[in-house]
Amino acid sequence: MVPSLKRTVGQLDDMDVMGPDGTKIGEVEEVLMDASGQPVAVVVDVEHGVGIGDKEVIVGLDQLRDDGRALTTALTNAQLGTLPIWDD
């Protein structure tokens, strides 16, 4: 369970992530856990139209909210471009 989002890890998989203007910025590819097994971040596969290239970025759970249909973030496209890249 991801307490801050009130969803299970499985429910987050492939969930849409929307930006501050309501446009889709990508979708959740993976939930990242800390050493104790607690979820701390998600990997977001960023859409081509966002302007940062085809990347998977790591977004902390503290940057996300659940609006009931999708995850939302206040991060701008420019801020997304500065996030750590996920390289699995």
PDB file of N, CA and C in Angstrom:
ATOM      1  N   MET A   1       0.839  -1.186   0.000  1.00  0.00           N
ATOM      2  CA  MET A   1       0.000   0.000   0.000  1.00  0.00           C
ATOM      3  C   MET A   1       0.885   1.251   0.000  1.00  0.00           C
ATOM      4  N   VAL A   2       0.440   2.261  -0.744  1.00  0.00           N
ATOM      5  CA  VAL A   2       1.121   3.554  -0.771  1.00  0.00           C
ATOM      6  C   VAL A   2       0.233   4.520   0.011  1.00  0.00           C
ATOM      7  N   PRO A   3       0.500   4.676   1.315  1.00  0.00           N
ATOM      8  CA  PRO A   3      -0.405   5.437   2.182  1.00  0.00           C
ATOM      9  C   PRO A   3      -0.695   6.861   1.708  1.00  0.00           C
ATOM     10  N   SER A   4       0.309   7.566   1.208  1.00  0.00           N
ATOM     11  CA  SER A   4       0.090   8.962   0.821  1.00  0.00           C
ATOM     12  C   SER A   4      -0.871   9.098  -0.355  1.00  0.00           C
ATOM     13  N   LEU A   5      -1.011   8.045  -1.155  1.00  0.00           N
ATOM     14  CA  LEU A   5      -1.907   8.085  -2.312  1.00  0.00           C
ATOM     15  C   LEU A   5      -3.132   7.194  -2.133  1.00  0.00           C
ATOM     16  N   LYS A   6      -3.168   6.469  -1.021  1.00  0.00           N
ATOM     17  CA  LYS A   6      -4.285   5.577  -0.700  1.00  0.00           C
ATOM     18  C   LYS A   6      -4.580   4.586  -1.831  1.00  0.00           C
ATOM     19  N   ARG A   7      -3.523   4.048  -2.398  1.00  0.00           N
ATOM     20  CA  ARG A   7      -3.624   3.050  -3.461  1.00  0.00           C
ATOM     21  C   ARG A   7      -2.574   1.964  -3.230  1.00  0.00           C
ATOM     22  N   THR A   8      -2.838   0.800  -3.805  1.00  0.00           N
ATOM     23  CA  THR A   8      -1.840  -0.258  -3.752  1.00  0.00           C
ATOM     24  C   THR A   8      -0.795  -0.011  -4.833  1.00  0.00           C
ATOM     25  N   VAL A   9       0.339  -0.657  -4.685  1.00  0.00           N
ATOM     26  CA  VAL A   9       1.391  -0.550  -5.690  1.00  0.00           C
ATOM     27  C   VAL A   9       0.851  -1.000  -7.047  1.00  0.00           C
ATOM     28  N   GLY A  10       0.088  -2.076  -7.068  1.00  0.00           N
ATOM     29  CA  GLY A  10      -0.490  -2.574  -8.316  1.00  0.00           C
ATOM     30  C   GLY A  10      -1.431  -1.582  -8.975  1.00  0.00           C
ATOM     31  N   GLN A  11      -2.177  -0.829  -8.183  1.00  0.00           N
ATOM     32  CA  GLN A  11      -3.089   0.169  -8.738  1.00  0.00           C
ATOM     33  C   GLN A  11      -2.336   1.322  -9.392  1.00  0.00           C
ATOM     34  N   LEU A  12      -1.134   1.607  -8.926  1.00  0.00           N
ATOM     35  CA  LEU A  12      -0.351   2.706  -9.489  1.00  0.00           C
ATOM     36  C   LEU A  12       0.267   2.353 -10.836  1.00  0.00           C
ATOM     37  N   ASP A  13       0.495   1.072 -11.086  1.00  0.00           N
ATOM     38  CA  ASP A  13       1.130   0.642 -12.322  1.00  0.00           C
ATOM     39  C   ASP A  13       0.328   1.107 -13.532  1.00  0.00           C
ATOM     40  N   ASP A  14       0.978   1.791 -14.457  1.00  0.00           N
ATOM     41  CA  ASP A  14       0.384   2.320 -15.696  1.00  0.00           C
ATOM     42  C   ASP A  14      -0.614   3.450 -15.474  1.00  0.00           C
ATOM     43  N   MET A  15      -0.688   3.987 -14.273  1.00  0.00           N
ATOM     44  CA  MET A  15      -1.601   5.099 -14.003  1.00  0.00           C
ATOM     45  C   MET A  15      -1.090   6.368 -14.685  1.00  0.00           C
ATOM     46  N   ASP A  16      -2.004   7.144 -15.266  1.00  0.00           N
ATOM     47  CA  ASP A  16      -1.636   8.403 -15.907  1.00  0.00           C
ATOM     48  C   ASP A  16      -1.148   9.410 -14.878  1.00  0.00           C
ATOM     49  N   VAL A  17      -0.189  10.230 -15.293  1.00  0.00           N
ATOM     50  CA  VAL A  17       0.312  11.333 -14.473  1.00  0.00           C
ATOM     51  C   VAL A  17       0.047  12.619 -15.246  1.00  0.00           C
ATOM     52  N   MET A  18      -0.660  13.542 -14.605  1.00  0.00           N
ATOM     53  CA  MET A  18      -1.063  14.792 -15.233  1.00  0.00           C
ATOM     54  C   MET A  18      -0.268  15.951 -14.653  1.00  0.00           C
ATOM     55  N   GLY A  19       0.042  16.930 -15.512  1.00  0.00           N
ATOM     56  CA  GLY A  19       0.781  18.110 -15.093  1.00  0.00           C
ATOM     57  C   GLY A  19      -0.125  19.173 -14.512  1.00  0.00           C
ATOM     58  N   PRO A  20       0.448  20.309 -14.118  1.00  0.00           N
ATOM     59  CA  PRO A  20      -0.324  21.369 -13.464  1.00  0.00           C
ATOM     60  C   PRO A  20      -1.398  21.989 -14.355  1.00  0.00           C
ATOM     61  N   ASP A  21      -1.239  21.872 -15.672  1.00  0.00           N
ATOM     62  CA  ASP A  21      -2.248  22.420 -16.584  1.00  0.00           C
ATOM     63  C   ASP A  21      -3.279  21.383 -17.011  1.00  0.00           C
ATOM     64  N   GLY A  22      -3.203  20.179 -16.435  1.00  0.00           N
ATOM     65  CA  GLY A  22      -4.181  19.138 -16.724  1.00  0.00           C
ATOM     66  C   GLY A  22      -3.853  18.259 -17.915  1.00  0.00           C
ATOM     67  N   THR A  23      -2.700  18.472 -18.548  1.00  0.00           N
ATOM     68  CA  THR A  23      -2.318  17.618 -19.666  1.00  0.00           C
ATOM     69  C   THR A  23      -1.503  16.435 -19.158  1.00  0.00           C
ATOM     70  N   LYS A  24      -1.627  15.332 -19.882  1.00  0.00           N
ATOM     71  CA  LYS A  24      -0.906  14.121 -19.492  1.00  0.00           C
ATOM     72  C   LYS A  24       0.583  14.308 -19.739  1.00  0.00           C
ATOM     73  N   ILE A  25       1.380  14.032 -18.715  1.00  0.00           N
ATOM     74  CA  ILE A  25       2.827  14.113 -18.885  1.00  0.00           C
ATOM     75  C   ILE A  25       3.456  12.731 -19.021  1.00  0.00           C
ATOM     76  N   GLY A  26       2.727  11.690 -18.635  1.00  0.00           N
ATOM     77  CA  GLY A  26       3.255  10.343 -18.760  1.00  0.00           C
ATOM     78  C   GLY A  26       2.441   9.359 -17.956  1.00  0.00           C
ATOM     79  N   GLU A  27       3.054   8.212 -17.695  1.00  0.00           N
ATOM     80  CA  GLU A  27       2.389   7.206 -16.867  1.00  0.00           C
ATOM     81  C   GLU A  27       3.407   6.484 -16.002  1.00  0.00           C
ATOM     82  N   VAL A  28       2.901   5.938 -14.910  1.00  0.00           N
ATOM     83  CA  VAL A  28       3.748   5.234 -13.942  1.00  0.00           C
ATOM     84  C   VAL A  28       4.214   3.908 -14.541  1.00  0.00           C
ATOM     85  N   GLU A  29       5.519   3.716 -14.543  1.00  0.00           N
ATOM     86  CA  GLU A  29       6.107   2.471 -15.031  1.00  0.00           C
ATOM     87  C   GLU A  29       6.495   1.540 -13.890  1.00  0.00           C
ATOM     88  N   GLU A  30       6.864   2.132 -12.761  1.00  0.00           N
ATOM     89  CA  GLU A  30       7.352   1.324 -11.646  1.00  0.00           C
ATOM     90  C   GLU A  30       7.257   2.124 -10.354  1.00  0.00           C
ATOM     91  N   VAL A  31       7.056   1.415  -9.245  1.00  0.00           N
ATOM     92  CA  VAL A  31       7.079   2.040  -7.924  1.00  0.00           C
ATOM     93  C   VAL A  31       8.402   1.645  -7.273  1.00  0.00           C
ATOM     94  N   LEU A  32       9.139   2.641  -6.783  1.00  0.00           N
ATOM     95  CA  LEU A  32      10.444   2.396  -6.167  1.00  0.00           C
ATOM     96  C   LEU A  32      10.314   2.342  -4.651  1.00  0.00           C
ATOM     97  N   MET A  33      11.003   1.390  -4.049  1.00  0.00           N
ATOM     98  CA  MET A  33      10.947   1.168  -2.604  1.00  0.00           C
ATOM     99  C   MET A  33      12.285   1.515  -1.962  1.00  0.00           C
ATOM    100  N   ASP A  34      12.221   1.874  -0.674  1.00  0.00           N
ATOM    101  CA  ASP A  34      13.458   2.067   0.079  1.00  0.00           C
ATOM    102  C   ASP A  34      13.923   0.718   0.622  1.00  0.00           C
ATOM    103  N   ALA A  35      14.993   0.727   1.393  1.00  0.00           N
ATOM    104  CA  ALA A  35      15.580  -0.513   1.907  1.00  0.00           C
ATOM    105  C   ALA A  35      14.629  -1.298   2.802  1.00  0.00           C
ATOM    106  N   SER A  36      13.671  -0.610   3.426  1.00  0.00           N
ATOM    107  CA  SER A  36      12.725  -1.297   4.307  1.00  0.00           C
ATOM    108  C   SER A  36      11.468  -1.762   3.576  1.00  0.00           C
ATOM    109  N   GLY A  37      11.420  -1.539   2.260  1.00  0.00           N
ATOM    110  CA  GLY A  37      10.266  -1.984   1.484  1.00  0.00           C
ATOM    111  C   GLY A  37       9.130  -0.986   1.406  1.00  0.00           C
ATOM    112  N   GLN A  38       9.367   0.237   1.864  1.00  0.00           N
ATOM    113  CA  GLN A  38       8.342   1.281   1.807  1.00  0.00           C
ATOM    114  C   GLN A  38       8.445   2.040   0.482  1.00  0.00           C
ATOM    115  N   PRO A  39       7.307   2.286  -0.192  1.00  0.00           N
ATOM    116  CA  PRO A  39       7.350   3.039  -1.442  1.00  0.00           C
ATOM    117  C   PRO A  39       7.775   4.485  -1.195  1.00  0.00           C
ATOM    118  N   VAL A  40       8.675   4.998  -2.055  1.00  0.00           N
ATOM    119  CA  VAL A  40       9.189   6.356  -1.882  1.00  0.00           C
ATOM    120  C   VAL A  40       9.090   7.206  -3.144  1.00  0.00           C
ATOM    121  N   ALA A  41       8.973   6.559  -4.297  1.00  0.00           N
ATOM    122  CA  ALA A  41       8.957   7.297  -5.561  1.00  0.00           C
ATOM    123  C   ALA A  41       8.354   6.418  -6.645  1.00  0.00           C
ATOM    124  N   VAL A  42       8.054   7.042  -7.777  1.00  0.00           N
ATOM    125  CA  VAL A  42       7.610   6.295  -8.946  1.00  0.00           C
ATOM    126  C   VAL A  42       8.482   6.674 -10.136  1.00  0.00           C
ATOM    127  N   VAL A  43       8.569   5.760 -11.072  1.00  0.00           N
ATOM    128  CA  VAL A  43       9.217   6.033 -12.347  1.00  0.00           C
ATOM    129  C   VAL A  43       8.113   6.418 -13.320  1.00  0.00           C
ATOM    130  N   VAL A  44       8.230   7.609 -13.911  1.00  0.00           N
ATOM    131  CA  VAL A  44       7.235   8.086 -14.868  1.00  0.00           C
ATOM    132  C   VAL A  44       7.848   8.057 -16.263  1.00  0.00           C
ATOM    133  N   ASP A  45       7.174   7.333 -17.166  1.00  0.00           N
ATOM    134  CA  ASP A  45       7.558   7.321 -18.577  1.00  0.00           C
ATOM    135  C   ASP A  45       6.954   8.572 -19.200  1.00  0.00           C
ATOM    136  N   VAL A  46       7.791   9.557 -19.492  1.00  0.00           N
ATOM    137  CA  VAL A  46       7.336  10.875 -19.929  1.00  0.00           C
ATOM    138  C   VAL A  46       6.930  10.837 -21.403  1.00  0.00           C
ATOM    139  N   GLU A  47       5.795  11.478 -21.707  1.00  0.00           N
ATOM    140  CA  GLU A  47       5.279  11.585 -23.075  1.00  0.00           C
ATOM    141  C   GLU A  47       6.233  12.403 -23.947  1.00  0.00           C
ATOM    142  N   HIS A  48       6.240  12.120 -25.239  1.00  0.00           N
ATOM    143  CA  HIS A  48       7.096  12.850 -26.186  1.00  0.00           C
ATOM    144  C   HIS A  48       6.777  14.339 -26.217  1.00  0.00           C
ATOM    145  N   GLY A  49       5.521  14.724 -26.113  1.00  0.00           N
ATOM    146  CA  GLY A  49       5.112  16.115 -26.241  1.00  0.00           C
ATOM    147  C   GLY A  49       5.474  17.014 -25.076  1.00  0.00           C
ATOM    148  N   VAL A  50       6.033  16.459 -24.028  1.00  0.00           N
ATOM    149  CA  VAL A  50       6.362  17.248 -22.840  1.00  0.00           C
ATOM    150  C   VAL A  50       7.578  18.145 -23.090  1.00  0.00           C
ATOM    151  N   GLY A  51       8.422  17.754 -24.025  1.00  0.00           N
ATOM    152  CA  GLY A  51       9.544  18.605 -24.388  1.00  0.00           C
ATOM    153  C   GLY A  51      10.860  18.289 -23.709  1.00  0.00           C
ATOM    154  N   ILE A  52      10.949  17.147 -23.044  1.00  0.00           N
ATOM    155  CA  ILE A  52      12.225  16.780 -22.409  1.00  0.00           C
ATOM    156  C   ILE A  52      12.806  15.515 -23.030  1.00  0.00           C
ATOM    157  N   GLY A  53      12.222  15.064 -24.123  1.00  0.00           N
ATOM    158  CA  GLY A  53      12.689  13.846 -24.772  1.00  0.00           C
ATOM    159  C   GLY A  53      12.010  12.622 -24.193  1.00  0.00           C
ATOM    160  N   ASP A  54      12.337  11.489 -24.755  1.00  0.00           N
ATOM    161  CA  ASP A  54      11.764  10.215 -24.325  1.00  0.00           C
ATOM    162  C   ASP A  54      12.571   9.716 -23.133  1.00  0.00           C
ATOM    163  N   LYS A  55      12.078  10.014 -21.932  1.00  0.00           N
ATOM    164  CA  LYS A  55      12.813   9.682 -20.710  1.00  0.00           C
ATOM    165  C   LYS A  55      11.893   9.034 -19.691  1.00  0.00           C
ATOM    166  N   GLU A  56      12.506   8.306 -18.796  1.00  0.00           N
ATOM    167  CA  GLU A  56      11.829   7.825 -17.602  1.00  0.00           C
ATOM    168  C   GLU A  56      12.478   8.548 -16.432  1.00  0.00           C
ATOM    169  N   VAL A  57      11.679   9.317 -15.708  1.00  0.00           N
ATOM    170  CA  VAL A  57      12.213  10.109 -14.603  1.00  0.00           C
ATOM    171  C   VAL A  57      11.657   9.606 -13.277  1.00  0.00           C
ATOM    172  N   ILE A  58      12.396   9.874 -12.215  1.00  0.00           N
ATOM    173  CA  ILE A  58      11.996   9.468 -10.871  1.00  0.00           C
ATOM    174  C   ILE A  58      11.308  10.647 -10.197  1.00  0.00           C
ATOM    175  N   VAL A  59      10.056  10.407  -9.781  1.00  0.00           N
ATOM    176  CA  VAL A  59       9.259  11.444  -9.120  1.00  0.00           C
ATOM    177  C   VAL A  59       8.940  10.966  -7.706  1.00  0.00           C
ATOM    178  N   GLY A  60       9.329  11.749  -6.712  1.00  0.00           N
ATOM    179  CA  GLY A  60       9.039  11.411  -5.320  1.00  0.00           C
ATOM    180  C   GLY A  60       7.545  11.420  -5.046  1.00  0.00           C
ATOM    181  N   LEU A  61       7.106  10.544  -4.178  1.00  0.00           N
ATOM    182  CA  LEU A  61       5.680  10.477  -3.845  1.00  0.00           C
ATOM    183  C   LEU A  61       5.170  11.788  -3.266  1.00  0.00           C
ATOM    184  N   ASP A  62       6.061  12.567  -2.643  1.00  0.00           N
ATOM    185  CA  ASP A  62       5.642  13.849  -2.071  1.00  0.00           C
ATOM    186  C   ASP A  62       5.286  14.872  -3.149  1.00  0.00           C
ATOM    187  N   GLN A  63       5.601  14.576  -4.406  1.00  0.00           N
ATOM    188  CA  GLN A  63       5.284  15.469  -5.522  1.00  0.00           C
ATOM    189  C   GLN A  63       3.987  15.083  -6.234  1.00  0.00           C
ATOM    190  N   LEU A  64       3.308  14.046  -5.734  1.00  0.00           N
ATOM    191  CA  LEU A  64       2.127  13.514  -6.411  1.00  0.00           C
ATOM    192  C   LEU A  64       0.889  13.572  -5.537  1.00  0.00           C
ATOM    193  N   ARG A  65      -0.238  13.759  -6.190  1.00  0.00           N
ATOM    194  CA  ARG A  65      -1.552  13.697  -5.544  1.00  0.00           C
ATOM    195  C   ARG A  65      -2.442  12.800  -6.399  1.00  0.00           C
ATOM    196  N   ASP A  66      -3.448  12.215  -5.796  1.00  0.00           N
ATOM    197  CA  ASP A  66      -4.400  11.369  -6.514  1.00  0.00           C
ATOM    198  C   ASP A  66      -5.721  12.116  -6.610  1.00  0.00           C
ATOM    199  N   ASP A  67      -6.178  12.382  -7.831  1.00  0.00           N
ATOM    200  CA  ASP A  67      -7.452  13.092  -7.992  1.00  0.00           C
ATOM    201  C   ASP A  67      -8.624  12.139  -8.214  1.00  0.00           C
ATOM    202  N   GLY A  68      -8.366  10.837  -8.041  1.00  0.00           N
ATOM    203  CA  GLY A  68      -9.418   9.847  -8.210  1.00  0.00           C
ATOM    204  C   GLY A  68      -9.406   9.186  -9.579  1.00  0.00           C
ATOM    205  N   ARG A  69      -8.843   9.867 -10.569  1.00  0.00           N
ATOM    206  CA  ARG A  69      -8.754   9.311 -11.920  1.00  0.00           C
ATOM    207  C   ARG A  69      -7.308   9.145 -12.375  1.00  0.00           C
ATOM    208  N   ALA A  70      -6.449  10.021 -11.886  1.00  0.00           N
ATOM    209  CA  ALA A  70      -5.041  10.025 -12.293  1.00  0.00           C
ATOM    210  C   ALA A  70      -4.212  10.620 -11.167  1.00  0.00           C
ATOM    211  N   LEU A  71      -2.907  10.475 -11.290  1.00  0.00           N
ATOM    212  CA  LEU A  71      -2.004  11.171 -10.380  1.00  0.00           C
ATOM    213  C   LEU A  71      -1.728  12.545 -10.967  1.00  0.00           C
ATOM    214  N   THR A  72      -1.618  13.536 -10.116  1.00  0.00           N
ATOM    215  CA  THR A  72      -1.322  14.889 -10.569  1.00  0.00           C
ATOM    216  C   THR A  72      -0.061  15.387  -9.877  1.00  0.00           C
ATOM    217  N   THR A  73       0.622  16.297 -10.550  1.00  0.00           N
ATOM    218  CA  THR A  73       1.811  16.916  -9.983  1.00  0.00           C
ATOM    219  C   THR A  73       1.829  18.391 -10.343  1.00  0.00           C
ATOM    220  N   ALA A  74       2.430  19.188  -9.489  1.00  0.00           N
ATOM    221  CA  ALA A  74       2.599  20.616  -9.760  1.00  0.00           C
ATOM    222  C   ALA A  74       3.905  20.882 -10.502  1.00  0.00           C
ATOM    223  N   LEU A  75       4.681  19.830 -10.771  1.00  0.00           N
ATOM    224  CA  LEU A  75       5.954  19.995 -11.463  1.00  0.00           C
ATOM    225  C   LEU A  75       5.728  20.465 -12.900  1.00  0.00           C
ATOM    226  N   THR A  76       6.465  21.478 -13.311  1.00  0.00           N
ATOM    227  CA  THR A  76       6.391  21.973 -14.687  1.00  0.00           C
ATOM    228  C   THR A  76       7.259  21.096 -15.592  1.00  0.00           C
ATOM    229  N   ASN A  77       7.111  21.278 -16.903  1.00  0.00           N
ATOM    230  CA  ASN A  77       7.944  20.530 -17.844  1.00  0.00           C
ATOM    231  C   ASN A  77       9.425  20.799 -17.590  1.00  0.00           C
ATOM    232  N   ALA A  78       9.769  22.058 -17.315  1.00  0.00           N
ATOM    233  CA  ALA A  78      11.166  22.402 -17.034  1.00  0.00           C
ATOM    234  C   ALA A  78      11.664  21.668 -15.790  1.00  0.00           C
ATOM    235  N   GLN A  79      10.839  21.593 -14.752  1.00  0.00           N
ATOM    236  CA  GLN A  79      11.232  20.885 -13.532  1.00  0.00           C
ATOM    237  C   GLN A  79      11.362  19.388 -13.786  1.00  0.00           C
ATOM    238  N   LEU A  80      10.463  18.826 -14.598  1.00  0.00           N
ATOM    239  CA  LEU A  80      10.559  17.405 -14.938  1.00  0.00           C
ATOM    240  C   LEU A  80      11.902  17.099 -15.595  1.00  0.00           C
ATOM    241  N   GLY A  81      12.379  18.029 -16.411  1.00  0.00           N
ATOM    242  CA  GLY A  81      13.645  17.838 -17.103  1.00  0.00           C
ATOM    243  C   GLY A  81      14.851  17.802 -16.187  1.00  0.00           C
ATOM    244  N   THR A  82      14.700  18.248 -14.948  1.00  0.00           N
ATOM    245  CA  THR A  82      15.817  18.246 -13.995  1.00  0.00           C
ATOM    246  C   THR A  82      15.795  17.045 -13.052  1.00  0.00           C
ATOM    247  N   LEU A  83      14.749  16.222 -13.134  1.00  0.00           N
ATOM    248  CA  LEU A  83      14.627  15.071 -12.235  1.00  0.00           C
ATOM    249  C   LEU A  83      15.603  13.969 -12.626  1.00  0.00           C
ATOM    250  N   PRO A  84      15.957  13.117 -11.661  1.00  0.00           N
ATOM    251  CA  PRO A  84      16.855  11.998 -11.968  1.00  0.00           C
ATOM    252  C   PRO A  84      16.238  11.069 -13.020  1.00  0.00           C
ATOM    253  N   ILE A  85      17.082  10.585 -13.914  1.00  0.00           N
ATOM    254  CA  ILE A  85      16.667   9.648 -14.959  1.00  0.00           C
ATOM    255  C   ILE A  85      16.720   8.231 -14.393  1.00  0.00           C
ATOM    256  N   TRP A  86      15.693   7.444 -14.687  1.00  0.00           N
ATOM    257  CA  TRP A  86      15.671   6.037 -14.287  1.00  0.00           C
ATOM    258  C   TRP A  86      16.330   5.235 -15.396  1.00  0.00           C
ATOM    259  N   ASP A  87      17.331   4.477 -15.044  1.00  0.00           N
ATOM    260  CA  ASP A  87      18.034   3.642 -16.011  1.00  0.00           C
ATOM    261  C   ASP A  87      18.068   2.234 -15.462  1.00  0.00           C
ATOM    262  N   ASP A  88      17.029   1.480 -15.792  1.00  0.00           N
ATOM    263  CA  ASP A  88      16.953   0.118 -15.268  1.00  0.00           C
ATOM    264  C   ASP A  88      17.797  -0.774 -16.120  1.00  0.00           C
TER     265      ASP A  88
END
